[in-house]
Amino acid sequence: MPQQCSWDDLVNAPEEVRNDREAIIAAIQQHGGRALQFASYTVKNDRDVVLEAVRRSGSALAFASEELRDDREIVAAAVMKDWYQLGLASGRLRNDRGLVLSALQQHPASLQWASNDIRDDKKVIISAVQSHHGRGQALAYASDRLRNDKEVVIAALQEGCHDSTLQWASEERRDDKEVVMAAVRRAGSMFQYASEKLRADKKFVLEVIQQEGGWTLHSVSDELRNDKQVVLAAVQENGNVLVIVQSEILRGDFDIVSAACRQDRSLFKHANIGELGRWLSGRNVQGKLDEFPLVELMFFITRYRRGKKRGKGRKLSNWFLFLRENPWLFQLEK
């Protein structure tokens, strides 16, 4: 085979070339480590040739002989180039603590190929979940015992952790209020991974909403998503939560709509006008006027009047009459 050869030349190389140590080394230097795939079994079992290949491309380890995939220097060189190659190492080397830690420094997912003993090694797991790259993700590959270890789970839930970290903890830890609160402090979206029991615990849900903000409403139980106290607390934290309120009745509840509109009047478009109309029509204007934010009511009536022109408005009884007789209310500025 010529010193400079194409990939096609390698594909179609005769047996004597595939068995030529120097020719394969030249091909590796020219085309990279994956050229090792065209070598004969004898050359694939040549330590120097394989070491040259994996130093250029970690994925070349896939073409090495089984014997050389049990060679620590060769596997370490491959893993240094590509952490994924830990999965091709022999069982003995996947139980090598130093080698596994080297792979973990590149990516926490490499833990999936470590031996059961290492995945049950608390020091290794804590080091992995706290690594600067992919914080918390290694918890997904830890042993069942360590995914139930409160210290390990809390360590994984450090600042900057992955948004799914809580998902990888055991059911017992996902039912642990301290653990769940630690998770919510990092990312409110993690509340979706809390146990059903905690997502239906009204007192705890209210604490979480106060801590994280209203969007927690996404993850609470169906019963609490229709609970006025919970929905109102969520909307008070973040008016935009009105958008995800499922209950038609609660989207027409004056307290909830008003709490949202005090933050952003444009959110009124998400209110249930019919329910609001029924609520307002039974109110004593003269006696209750001071309870209501007039700016929001003005906005409501403006919306109502537009609806009425389309034939969709609802009669607002003395409220509409009162505001029609007092047009100065429409001059109020937010």
Protein backbone atom coordinates (compact mmCIF):
# COMPACT_ATOMS: atom_id res chain seq x y z
CA MET A 1 0.00 0.00 0.00
CA PRO A 2 1.40 3.47 -0.89
CA GLN A 3 2.41 5.84 1.90
CA GLN A 4 -0.52 8.12 0.98
CA CYS A 5 -3.73 6.17 0.53
CA SER A 6 -7.39 7.02 0.36
CA TRP A 7 -10.10 5.65 2.65
CA ASP A 8 -11.28 3.54 -0.28
CA ASP A 9 -7.82 2.02 -0.52
CA LEU A 10 -8.16 0.93 3.09
CA VAL A 11 -11.63 -0.49 2.55
CA ASN A 12 -10.41 -2.56 -0.35
CA ALA A 13 -6.96 -3.36 1.03
CA PRO A 14 -5.82 -6.96 0.55
CA GLU A 15 -5.11 -9.22 3.50
CA GLU A 16 -1.35 -8.72 3.36
CA VAL A 17 -1.83 -4.95 3.80
CA ARG A 18 -4.29 -5.43 6.67
CA ASN A 19 -1.68 -7.60 8.35
CA ASP A 20 1.11 -5.11 7.71
CA ARG A 21 1.83 -3.36 11.02
CA GLU A 22 3.69 -0.41 9.47
CA ALA A 23 1.04 0.10 6.80
CA ILE A 24 -1.71 0.27 9.40
CA ILE A 25 0.27 2.72 11.55
CA ALA A 26 0.76 4.91 8.48
CA ALA A 27 -2.99 4.75 7.79
CA ILE A 28 -3.77 5.69 11.38
CA GLN A 29 -1.44 8.68 11.18
CA GLN A 30 -3.05 9.76 7.92
CA HIS A 31 -6.73 9.06 8.58
CA GLY A 32 -6.98 8.89 12.37
CA GLY A 33 -7.49 6.13 14.88
CA ARG A 34 -10.56 4.64 13.26
CA ALA A 35 -8.36 3.29 10.46
CA LEU A 36 -7.62 0.52 12.96
CA GLN A 37 -10.86 -1.16 11.88
CA PHE A 38 -9.21 -2.29 8.66
CA ALA A 39 -6.36 -4.06 10.42
CA SER A 40 -6.23 -7.81 10.83
CA TYR A 41 -6.94 -9.38 14.22
CA THR A 42 -3.19 -9.77 14.76
CA VAL A 43 -2.56 -6.05 14.29
CA LYS A 44 -5.60 -5.14 16.39
CA ASN A 45 -3.91 -7.05 19.18
CA ASP A 46 -0.64 -5.13 18.73
CA ARG A 47 -0.33 -2.89 21.79
CA ASP A 48 1.73 -0.13 20.14
CA VAL A 49 -0.57 0.08 17.13
CA VAL A 50 -3.71 0.27 19.26
CA LEU A 51 -2.17 2.83 21.62
CA GLU A 52 -1.31 5.01 18.61
CA ALA A 53 -4.89 4.68 17.38
CA VAL A 54 -6.67 5.55 20.64
CA ARG A 55 -4.37 8.50 21.26
CA ARG A 56 -5.65 9.94 17.99
CA SER A 57 -9.27 8.85 18.39
CA GLY A 58 -10.76 7.40 21.55
CA SER A 59 -13.44 5.60 19.54
CA ALA A 60 -10.72 3.39 18.02
CA LEU A 61 -10.96 1.35 21.23
CA ALA A 62 -13.99 -0.34 19.66
CA PHE A 63 -11.66 -2.06 17.17
CA ALA A 64 -9.05 -3.18 19.67
CA SER A 65 -8.87 -6.79 20.76
CA GLU A 66 -10.64 -7.86 23.92
CA GLU A 67 -7.26 -8.38 25.55
CA LEU A 68 -6.16 -4.79 24.91
CA ARG A 69 -9.47 -3.40 26.15
CA ASP A 70 -8.27 -4.73 29.49
CA ASP A 71 -5.02 -2.72 29.21
CA ARG A 72 -5.28 0.25 31.59
CA GLU A 73 -2.93 2.56 29.67
CA ILE A 74 -4.80 2.00 26.42
CA VAL A 75 -8.23 2.43 27.98
CA ALA A 76 -7.09 5.51 29.93
CA ALA A 77 -5.81 7.09 26.70
CA ALA A 78 -9.12 6.35 24.97
CA VAL A 79 -11.20 7.69 27.86
CA MET A 80 -9.12 10.86 27.99
CA LYS A 81 -10.08 11.51 24.37
CA ASP A 82 -13.69 10.39 24.75
CA TRP A 83 -15.41 9.53 28.07
CA TYR A 84 -17.92 7.37 26.21
CA GLN A 85 -15.22 4.75 25.68
CA LEU A 86 -15.42 3.69 29.33
CA GLY A 87 -18.32 1.53 28.18
CA LEU A 88 -15.91 -0.53 26.05
CA ALA A 89 -13.44 -1.20 28.85
CA SER A 90 -13.22 -4.59 30.48
CA GLY A 91 -15.17 -5.32 33.64
CA ARG A 92 -11.98 -5.10 35.64
CA LEU A 93 -11.20 -1.58 34.42
CA ARG A 94 -14.77 -0.38 34.87
CA ASN A 95 -14.13 -1.13 38.52
CA ASP A 96 -10.98 1.02 38.48
CA ARG A 97 -11.80 4.03 40.68
CA GLY A 98 -9.19 6.33 39.14
CA LEU A 99 -10.26 5.52 35.59
CA VAL A 100 -13.93 6.09 36.37
CA LEU A 101 -13.17 9.41 38.06
CA SER A 102 -11.23 10.47 34.97
CA ALA A 103 -14.29 9.78 32.83
CA LEU A 104 -16.58 11.51 35.32
CA GLN A 105 -14.55 14.70 35.03
CA GLN A 106 -15.70 14.83 31.42
CA HIS A 107 -19.33 13.76 31.79
CA PRO A 108 -21.48 12.41 34.65
CA ALA A 109 -23.22 9.95 32.33
CA SER A 110 -20.02 7.90 32.17
CA LEU A 111 -21.00 6.57 35.61
CA GLN A 112 -23.52 4.29 33.91
CA TRP A 113 -20.63 2.06 32.77
CA ALA A 114 -18.90 1.90 36.12
CA SER A 115 -19.11 -1.29 38.15
CA ASN A 116 -21.84 -1.80 40.73
CA ASP A 117 -19.27 -1.36 43.49
CA ILE A 118 -18.25 2.08 42.24
CA ARG A 119 -21.85 3.20 41.68
CA ASP A 120 -22.38 2.31 45.33
CA ASP A 121 -19.26 4.21 46.48
CA LYS A 122 -20.55 7.25 48.38
CA LYS A 123 -17.35 9.29 47.99
CA VAL A 124 -17.30 8.75 44.23
CA ILE A 125 -20.97 9.64 43.85
CA ILE A 126 -20.76 12.81 45.94
CA SER A 127 -17.71 13.88 43.94
CA ALA A 128 -19.59 13.15 40.71
CA VAL A 129 -22.81 14.98 41.59
CA GLN A 130 -20.83 18.04 42.66
CA SER A 131 -18.62 18.16 39.57
CA HIS A 132 -18.66 21.40 37.61
CA HIS A 133 -19.94 19.63 34.51
CA GLY A 134 -23.56 18.45 34.54
CA ARG A 135 -24.12 18.91 38.25
CA GLY A 136 -26.47 16.43 39.81
CA GLN A 137 -26.86 14.22 36.73
CA ALA A 138 -24.63 11.46 38.10
CA LEU A 139 -27.36 10.75 40.66
CA ALA A 140 -29.30 9.04 37.86
CA TYR A 141 -26.64 6.30 37.69
CA ALA A 142 -25.92 5.87 41.39
CA SER A 143 -26.98 2.72 43.19
CA ASP A 144 -30.48 2.49 44.65
CA ARG A 145 -28.98 2.75 48.11
CA LEU A 146 -27.26 6.06 47.37
CA ARG A 147 -30.23 7.53 45.50
CA ASN A 148 -32.01 7.06 48.80
CA ASP A 149 -29.17 8.60 50.80
CA LYS A 150 -30.30 12.05 51.97
CA GLU A 151 -26.77 13.45 52.12
CA VAL A 152 -26.05 12.36 48.55
CA VAL A 153 -29.33 13.75 47.22
CA ILE A 154 -28.87 17.09 48.98
CA ALA A 155 -25.31 17.26 47.59
CA ALA A 156 -26.71 16.73 44.10
CA LEU A 157 -29.19 19.57 44.61
CA GLN A 158 -26.55 22.27 44.76
CA GLU A 159 -26.64 25.57 42.88
CA GLY A 160 -26.61 25.07 39.13
CA CYS A 161 -27.85 21.48 39.29
CA HIS A 162 -29.79 19.90 36.43
CA ASP A 163 -33.53 20.65 36.43
CA SER A 164 -34.33 16.94 36.61
CA THR A 165 -32.08 16.08 39.55
CA LEU A 166 -34.93 15.39 41.96
CA GLN A 167 -36.41 12.93 39.48
CA TRP A 168 -33.44 10.59 40.02
CA ALA A 169 -33.81 10.45 43.79
CA SER A 170 -35.66 7.55 45.42
CA GLU A 171 -39.40 7.75 46.09
CA GLU A 172 -38.66 8.11 49.79
CA ARG A 173 -36.47 11.15 49.21
CA ARG A 174 -39.03 12.66 46.82
CA ASP A 175 -41.48 12.42 49.70
CA ASP A 176 -39.05 14.21 52.03
CA LYS A 177 -40.13 17.83 52.57
CA GLU A 178 -36.61 19.05 53.29
CA VAL A 179 -35.24 17.46 50.11
CA VAL A 180 -38.10 18.72 47.95
CA MET A 181 -37.77 22.25 49.31
CA ALA A 182 -34.03 22.16 48.58
CA ALA A 183 -34.88 21.13 45.03
CA VAL A 184 -37.48 23.86 44.59
CA ARG A 185 -34.98 26.48 45.72
CA ARG A 186 -32.78 25.45 42.79
CA ALA A 187 -35.54 25.14 40.19
CA GLY A 188 -39.24 25.48 40.82
CA SER A 189 -39.96 23.08 37.96
CA MET A 190 -38.54 20.24 40.07
CA PHE A 191 -41.69 20.25 42.18
CA GLN A 192 -43.25 18.10 39.47
CA TYR A 193 -41.01 15.24 40.69
CA ALA A 194 -42.17 15.47 44.30
CA SER A 195 -44.32 12.61 45.56
CA GLU A 196 -48.07 12.68 44.91
CA LYS A 197 -48.56 13.03 48.62
CA LEU A 198 -46.56 16.28 48.82
CA ARG A 199 -48.11 17.71 45.66
CA ALA A 200 -51.50 17.23 47.33
CA ASP A 201 -50.41 18.63 50.71
CA LYS A 202 -52.07 22.06 50.78
CA LYS A 203 -50.00 23.49 53.59
CA PHE A 204 -46.74 22.38 51.98
CA VAL A 205 -47.84 23.55 48.52
CA LEU A 206 -48.54 27.03 49.91
CA GLU A 207 -45.04 27.08 51.43
CA VAL A 208 -43.55 26.05 48.08
CA ILE A 209 -45.50 28.74 46.23
CA GLN A 210 -44.23 31.36 48.67
CA GLN A 211 -40.68 30.08 48.23
CA GLU A 212 -40.58 29.47 44.49
CA GLY A 213 -43.38 31.54 43.01
CA GLY A 214 -46.71 30.95 41.36
CA TRP A 215 -45.62 28.68 38.53
CA THR A 216 -45.57 25.80 41.00
CA LEU A 217 -49.30 25.64 40.28
CA HIS A 218 -48.33 23.64 37.18
CA SER A 219 -47.32 20.69 39.36
CA VAL A 220 -49.80 20.55 42.22
CA SER A 221 -52.56 17.95 42.43
CA ASP A 222 -55.75 18.43 40.40
CA GLU A 223 -57.69 19.10 43.58
CA LEU A 224 -55.37 21.94 44.62
CA ARG A 225 -55.36 23.44 41.13
CA ASN A 226 -59.05 24.09 41.76
CA ASP A 227 -58.56 25.40 45.29
CA LYS A 228 -59.13 29.17 45.49
CA GLN A 229 -56.63 29.74 48.31
CA VAL A 230 -53.86 27.95 46.41
CA VAL A 231 -54.64 29.64 43.09
CA LEU A 232 -54.90 33.07 44.70
CA ALA A 233 -51.55 32.58 46.45
CA ALA A 234 -49.97 31.59 43.14
CA VAL A 235 -51.44 34.56 41.26
CA GLN A 236 -50.38 36.96 44.00
CA GLU A 237 -46.80 35.74 43.55
CA ASN A 238 -46.95 36.00 39.78
CA GLY A 239 -49.93 37.46 37.95
CA ASN A 240 -49.03 35.60 34.75
CA VAL A 241 -50.12 32.39 36.44
CA LEU A 242 -53.69 33.41 35.58
CA VAL A 243 -52.91 32.03 32.13
CA ILE A 244 -52.67 28.46 33.44
CA VAL A 245 -55.63 28.54 35.83
CA GLN A 246 -57.83 25.70 34.59
CA SER A 247 -61.02 26.35 36.53
CA GLU A 248 -63.45 28.59 34.64
CA ILE A 249 -64.95 29.63 37.95
CA LEU A 250 -61.60 30.69 39.41
CA ARG A 251 -60.67 32.59 36.25
CA GLY A 252 -63.86 34.54 36.90
CA ASP A 253 -63.18 35.05 40.60
CA PHE A 254 -62.78 38.76 41.28
CA ASP A 255 -60.09 38.33 43.94
CA ILE A 256 -57.94 36.20 41.65
CA VAL A 257 -58.44 38.33 38.53
CA SER A 258 -57.88 41.51 40.49
CA ALA A 259 -54.63 40.13 41.99
CA ALA A 260 -53.35 39.42 38.49
CA CYS A 261 -54.50 42.72 36.96
CA ARG A 262 -52.90 44.78 39.72
CA GLN A 263 -49.61 43.46 38.36
CA ASP A 264 -50.45 43.66 34.67
CA ARG A 265 -53.80 44.91 33.36
CA SER A 266 -53.30 43.10 30.06
CA LEU A 267 -53.81 39.82 31.91
CA PHE A 268 -57.50 40.63 32.03
CA LYS A 269 -57.85 39.00 28.61
CA HIS A 270 -57.41 35.63 30.36
CA ALA A 271 -60.28 36.23 32.77
CA ASN A 272 -63.69 34.57 32.47
CA ILE A 273 -65.89 37.57 31.79
CA GLY A 274 -69.12 35.69 32.25
CA GLU A 275 -68.21 34.57 35.76
CA LEU A 276 -67.01 38.06 36.64
CA GLY A 277 -70.28 39.50 35.38
CA ARG A 278 -72.31 37.17 37.55
CA TRP A 279 -70.12 38.03 40.52
CA LEU A 280 -70.36 41.80 39.99
CA SER A 281 -74.09 41.87 39.26
CA GLY A 282 -74.93 40.84 42.83
CA ARG A 283 -72.77 43.48 44.51
CA ASN A 284 -74.03 46.66 46.28
CA VAL A 285 -72.09 49.37 44.47
CA GLN A 286 -72.56 52.10 46.99
CA GLY A 287 -71.51 49.97 49.94
CA LYS A 288 -68.68 48.01 48.34
CA LEU A 289 -67.06 50.49 45.99
CA ASP A 290 -64.07 51.09 48.23
CA GLU A 291 -63.17 47.38 48.15
CA PHE A 292 -62.51 47.26 44.43
CA PRO A 293 -59.62 48.66 42.37
CA LEU A 294 -61.45 51.05 40.05
CA VAL A 295 -58.82 50.90 37.35
CA GLU A 296 -59.37 47.18 36.90
CA LEU A 297 -63.14 47.63 37.00
CA MET A 298 -62.88 50.30 34.34
CA PHE A 299 -60.88 47.92 32.20
CA PHE A 300 -63.47 45.23 32.79
CA ILE A 301 -66.35 47.47 31.71
CA THR A 302 -64.44 48.50 28.59
CA ARG A 303 -64.08 44.83 27.72
CA TYR A 304 -67.74 44.24 28.55
CA ARG A 305 -68.94 47.06 26.30
CA ARG A 306 -66.93 45.64 23.37
CA GLY A 307 -68.51 42.26 24.01
CA LYS A 308 -71.98 43.74 24.16
CA LYS A 309 -71.57 45.29 20.72
CA ARG A 310 -70.86 41.80 19.39
CA GLY A 311 -73.86 40.43 21.19
CA LYS A 312 -71.73 38.56 23.74
CA GLY A 313 -71.91 40.90 26.69
CA ARG A 314 -73.73 40.11 29.94
CA LYS A 315 -75.97 42.48 31.87
CA LEU A 316 -74.09 43.96 34.80
CA SER A 317 -77.07 45.44 36.59
CA ASN A 318 -76.33 48.37 38.85
CA TRP A 319 -72.55 48.13 38.27
CA PHE A 320 -72.82 49.04 34.62
CA LEU A 321 -75.38 51.77 35.31
CA PHE A 322 -73.22 53.26 38.02
CA LEU A 323 -70.12 53.42 35.84
CA ARG A 324 -72.08 54.75 32.89
CA GLU A 325 -73.38 57.56 35.08
CA ASN A 326 -69.87 58.33 36.27
CA PRO A 327 -67.76 58.61 33.10
CA TRP A 328 -64.93 60.26 35.00
CA LEU A 329 -63.95 56.77 36.16
CA PHE A 330 -62.83 56.07 32.62
CA GLN A 331 -60.32 58.89 32.86
CA LEU A 332 -58.40 57.25 35.67
CA GLU A 333 -54.86 56.40 34.75
CA LYS A 334 -53.10 53.27 35.89
